[in-house]
């Protein structure tokens, strides 16, 4: 994480972020929908690609391998409610994958 332009308060807040697994995606279609929903509702997220998935997604424009969507723990319930009808939501919520 880049801290050089942040205040002490912002640095401390960034260090205390706990990411949890929201869902695992298998297609670029799902990824586009989930990203739009999270962004529209101002829920910060991180996409964690499996293996070389991130590089392949840049080259091909689609999810080749699975992609994990991680959200901050405080936003998990809201995010689950928003995407629950679109894709399956993970039962075990750890960012250790």
Foldseek 3Di string as FASTA:
>chain_A
DDDPPDDPVVVVVVVPFFKWWWDKDDKQVLVVVLVVQCVVVVFDKDKAADDCQVVVCVVPVMGPGIITIIGTPVCRVVSCVRCVVPDPTDPGIHPPD
